[in-house]
Amino acid sequence: MEKWINKLSQLVAFFGKSVSWLSFVLVIIICLDVISRYLFNFSVAWVAEIEWHIFGLLFLFGSAYALNEEKHVRVDLFYQNFSKREKAQVNVIGTIVFLIPWCLTLGWYSLKYALTSFAMKETSPDPGGLGAFYFIKMAIPLAFLLLFFQGLIIIFNQFKIAFKSN
């Protein structure tokens, strides 16, 4: 089981580290877009769309990685004062009650959404926009799958701490 958890963790880290490079690409594209728009009064629809797509990929695939690295936002009014064992118990229960159902529900509905987009070969409604919107929409269920995997990793790792005998 530990071997599978490590493989899942490596998969989440691979996606997170890979997509992190898109932030640099996004900054370059935005800078070029701003320069072309304000200095040359020139703009095209596909540039704005690619900016949103890259930002979406950063957010979607970065979420599981941020959770893996514990860099996510945590509202910890009480959590900060808990013992390591109590924190692990909160993590296990919170993951089972909130994260896993959230990932399964949104993963399922986003898959239907992406498959519908693929079936109709959806493209941008804007003239000069990007084609093949279904590729970016397929990233949504994939991201929820990665987040689901990260939830399993949390349950496995935190369960050992939360419920070990003293």
Protein backbone atom coordinates (compact mmCIF):
# COMPACT_ATOMS: atom_id res chain seq x y z
CA MET A 1 0.00 0.00 0.00
CA GLU A 2 2.84 2.36 0.89
CA LYS A 3 4.31 1.81 -2.59
CA TRP A 4 1.06 2.90 -4.26
CA ILE A 5 0.76 5.95 -2.03
CA ASN A 6 4.31 6.96 -2.96
CA LYS A 7 3.51 6.53 -6.67
CA LEU A 8 0.38 8.66 -6.31
CA SER A 9 2.37 11.30 -4.44
CA GLN A 10 4.97 11.32 -7.22
CA LEU A 11 2.21 11.71 -9.81
CA VAL A 12 0.69 14.68 -7.96
CA ALA A 13 4.16 16.23 -7.58
CA PHE A 14 4.92 15.68 -11.28
CA PHE A 15 1.79 17.54 -12.36
CA GLY A 16 2.32 20.30 -9.80
CA LYS A 17 5.96 20.90 -10.69
CA SER A 18 5.28 20.65 -14.42
CA VAL A 19 2.44 23.13 -14.36
CA SER A 20 4.39 25.56 -12.17
CA TRP A 21 6.46 26.48 -15.22
CA LEU A 22 3.30 27.77 -16.85
CA SER A 23 3.34 30.73 -14.47
CA PHE A 24 6.46 32.02 -16.23
CA VAL A 25 4.84 31.46 -19.63
CA LEU A 26 1.70 33.24 -18.42
CA VAL A 27 3.65 36.29 -17.28
CA ILE A 28 5.40 36.54 -20.65
CA ILE A 29 2.13 36.20 -22.59
CA ILE A 30 0.38 38.80 -20.41
CA CYS A 31 3.27 41.25 -20.78
CA LEU A 32 3.30 40.82 -24.56
CA ASP A 33 -0.48 41.21 -24.65
CA VAL A 34 -0.37 44.41 -22.62
CA ILE A 35 2.45 45.85 -24.76
CA SER A 36 0.68 45.01 -28.01
CA ARG A 37 -2.64 46.34 -26.77
CA TYR A 38 -1.46 49.64 -25.30
CA LEU A 39 1.52 50.49 -27.52
CA PHE A 40 0.27 49.15 -30.85
CA ASN A 41 -3.50 49.14 -30.25
CA PHE A 42 -3.56 45.49 -31.34
CA SER A 43 -5.25 42.57 -29.59
CA VAL A 44 -6.61 39.19 -30.61
CA ALA A 45 -9.19 37.01 -28.87
CA TRP A 46 -7.06 33.86 -28.73
CA VAL A 47 -4.40 35.59 -26.59
CA ALA A 48 -6.89 36.48 -23.86
CA GLU A 49 -8.32 32.96 -24.02
CA ILE A 50 -4.91 31.32 -23.76
CA GLU A 51 -4.19 33.48 -20.70
CA TRP A 52 -7.35 32.17 -19.02
CA HIS A 53 -6.59 28.60 -20.04
CA ILE A 54 -3.07 28.75 -18.61
CA PHE A 55 -4.34 30.33 -15.40
CA GLY A 56 -6.98 27.59 -15.18
CA LEU A 57 -4.35 24.88 -15.60
CA LEU A 58 -2.18 26.49 -12.92
CA PHE A 59 -5.07 26.56 -10.49
CA LEU A 60 -6.46 23.12 -11.33
CA PHE A 61 -3.22 21.14 -11.29
CA GLY A 62 -1.59 23.29 -8.64
CA SER A 63 -4.36 22.57 -6.13
CA ALA A 64 -3.45 18.95 -5.47
CA TYR A 65 0.25 19.83 -5.34
CA ALA A 66 -0.37 22.70 -2.91
CA LEU A 67 -2.33 20.32 -0.68
CA ASN A 68 0.47 17.75 -0.97
CA GLU A 69 3.04 20.32 0.13
CA GLU A 70 0.70 21.77 2.80
CA LYS A 71 0.84 25.19 1.13
CA HIS A 72 -2.94 25.49 0.91
CA VAL A 73 -5.04 27.98 2.86
CA ARG A 74 -6.16 26.60 6.20
CA VAL A 75 -8.54 28.36 8.56
CA ASP A 76 -7.08 27.22 11.83
CA LEU A 77 -8.78 28.97 14.71
CA PHE A 78 -8.43 25.85 16.84
CA TYR A 79 -6.21 23.64 14.69
CA GLN A 80 -3.01 25.52 15.55
CA ASN A 81 -3.41 24.60 19.22
CA PHE A 82 -4.06 20.89 18.61
CA SER A 83 -1.52 18.16 19.22
CA LYS A 84 -0.01 16.35 16.23
CA ARG A 85 -2.42 13.46 16.80
CA GLU A 86 -5.48 15.73 17.02
CA LYS A 87 -4.39 17.54 13.83
CA ALA A 88 -4.09 14.20 12.06
CA GLN A 89 -7.58 13.20 13.24
CA VAL A 90 -9.02 16.47 11.91
CA ASN A 91 -7.19 15.91 8.62
CA VAL A 92 -8.53 12.38 8.21
CA ILE A 93 -12.12 13.28 9.11
CA GLY A 94 -12.07 16.47 7.04
CA THR A 95 -10.68 14.64 4.03
CA ILE A 96 -13.25 11.83 4.26
CA VAL A 97 -16.22 14.12 4.97
CA PHE A 98 -15.39 17.07 2.70
CA LEU A 99 -12.56 16.53 0.21
CA ILE A 100 -13.36 13.05 -1.11
CA PRO A 101 -17.09 13.67 -1.71
CA TRP A 102 -16.27 17.07 -3.26
CA CYS A 103 -13.76 15.48 -5.66
CA LEU A 104 -16.10 12.63 -6.60
CA THR A 105 -19.08 14.92 -7.19
CA LEU A 106 -17.29 17.62 -9.14
CA GLY A 107 -15.13 15.09 -10.94
CA TRP A 108 -18.23 13.25 -12.15
CA TYR A 109 -20.10 16.36 -13.28
CA SER A 110 -17.04 17.93 -14.86
CA LEU A 111 -16.38 14.71 -16.78
CA LYS A 112 -19.90 14.84 -18.20
CA TYR A 113 -19.32 18.53 -19.02
CA ALA A 114 -16.00 17.79 -20.76
CA LEU A 115 -17.39 14.80 -22.70
CA THR A 116 -20.32 16.91 -23.91
CA SER A 117 -17.86 19.56 -25.06
CA PHE A 118 -15.80 16.88 -26.81
CA ALA A 119 -18.86 15.33 -28.49
CA MET A 120 -19.89 18.66 -29.98
CA LYS A 121 -16.28 19.63 -30.83
CA GLU A 122 -16.75 22.89 -28.93
CA THR A 123 -14.67 25.88 -29.98
CA SER A 124 -14.49 29.48 -28.88
CA PRO A 125 -17.61 31.55 -29.53
CA ASP A 126 -15.37 34.56 -30.23
CA PRO A 127 -14.15 35.24 -33.76
CA GLY A 128 -10.44 34.51 -33.82
CA GLY A 129 -10.67 32.57 -30.56
CA LEU A 130 -9.14 29.22 -29.76
CA GLY A 131 -10.45 25.99 -31.16
CA ALA A 132 -10.87 22.73 -29.28
CA PHE A 133 -12.18 24.01 -25.94
CA TYR A 134 -12.74 20.40 -24.95
CA PHE A 135 -9.03 19.92 -24.28
CA ILE A 136 -9.02 22.51 -21.52
CA LYS A 137 -12.34 21.19 -20.21
CA MET A 138 -10.84 17.68 -19.96
CA ALA A 139 -8.31 19.14 -17.52
CA ILE A 140 -11.09 19.74 -14.98
CA PRO A 141 -11.97 16.09 -14.25
CA LEU A 142 -8.29 15.17 -14.42
CA ALA A 143 -7.51 17.81 -11.80
CA PHE A 144 -10.26 16.47 -9.53
CA LEU A 145 -8.84 12.98 -9.99
CA LEU A 146 -5.44 14.27 -8.83
CA LEU A 147 -7.08 16.02 -5.88
CA PHE A 148 -8.91 12.76 -5.06
CA PHE A 149 -5.56 10.92 -5.16
CA GLN A 150 -4.12 13.54 -2.83
CA GLY A 151 -7.04 12.94 -0.50
CA LEU A 152 -6.20 9.22 -0.41
CA ILE A 153 -2.58 10.11 0.34
CA ILE A 154 -3.67 12.33 3.24
CA ILE A 155 -5.98 9.65 4.65
CA PHE A 156 -3.25 7.01 4.47
CA ASN A 157 -0.47 9.16 5.95
CA GLN A 158 -2.55 10.92 8.60
CA PHE A 159 -4.44 7.79 9.67
CA LYS A 160 -1.18 6.27 10.91
CA ILE A 161 -0.62 9.30 13.15
CA ALA A 162 -4.23 9.89 14.17
CA PHE A 163 -5.13 6.44 15.36
CA LYS A 164 -1.88 4.85 16.46
CA SER A 165 -1.84 3.31 19.89
CA ASN A 166 0.28 5.05 22.51
